Protein backbone atom coordinates (compact mmCIF):
# COMPACT_ATOMS: atom_id res chain seq x y z
CA MET A 1 -8.20 0.70 1.25
CA ALA A 2 -8.78 0.03 -2.45
CA ARG A 3 -6.20 2.68 -3.29
CA CYS A 4 -3.65 0.99 -1.03
CA VAL A 5 -4.19 -2.27 -2.92
CA VAL A 6 -3.77 -0.59 -6.32
CA HIS A 7 -0.57 1.17 -5.25
CA SER A 8 0.73 -2.07 -3.77
CA ALA A 9 0.28 -3.76 -7.14
CA THR A 10 2.17 -1.00 -8.96
CA ALA A 11 4.87 -0.58 -6.28
CA GLY A 12 5.48 -3.19 -3.58
CA LEU A 13 7.53 -0.62 -1.63
CA LEU A 14 4.46 1.60 -1.24
CA SER A 15 2.61 -1.44 0.09
CA GLY A 16 4.84 -1.48 3.17
CA ILE A 17 4.24 2.23 3.82
CA CYS A 18 0.49 1.80 3.37
CA ALA A 19 0.49 -1.08 5.86
CA LEU A 20 2.29 1.03 8.47
CA ARG A 21 -0.15 3.90 7.92
CA SER A 22 -3.10 1.51 8.22
CA MET A 23 -1.87 0.46 11.68
């Protein structure tokens, strides 16, 4: 999950993808 947070900070777009994958 930490990686998702880091990516989200660098690229908000990736944050959305990470959220979908988390579900």
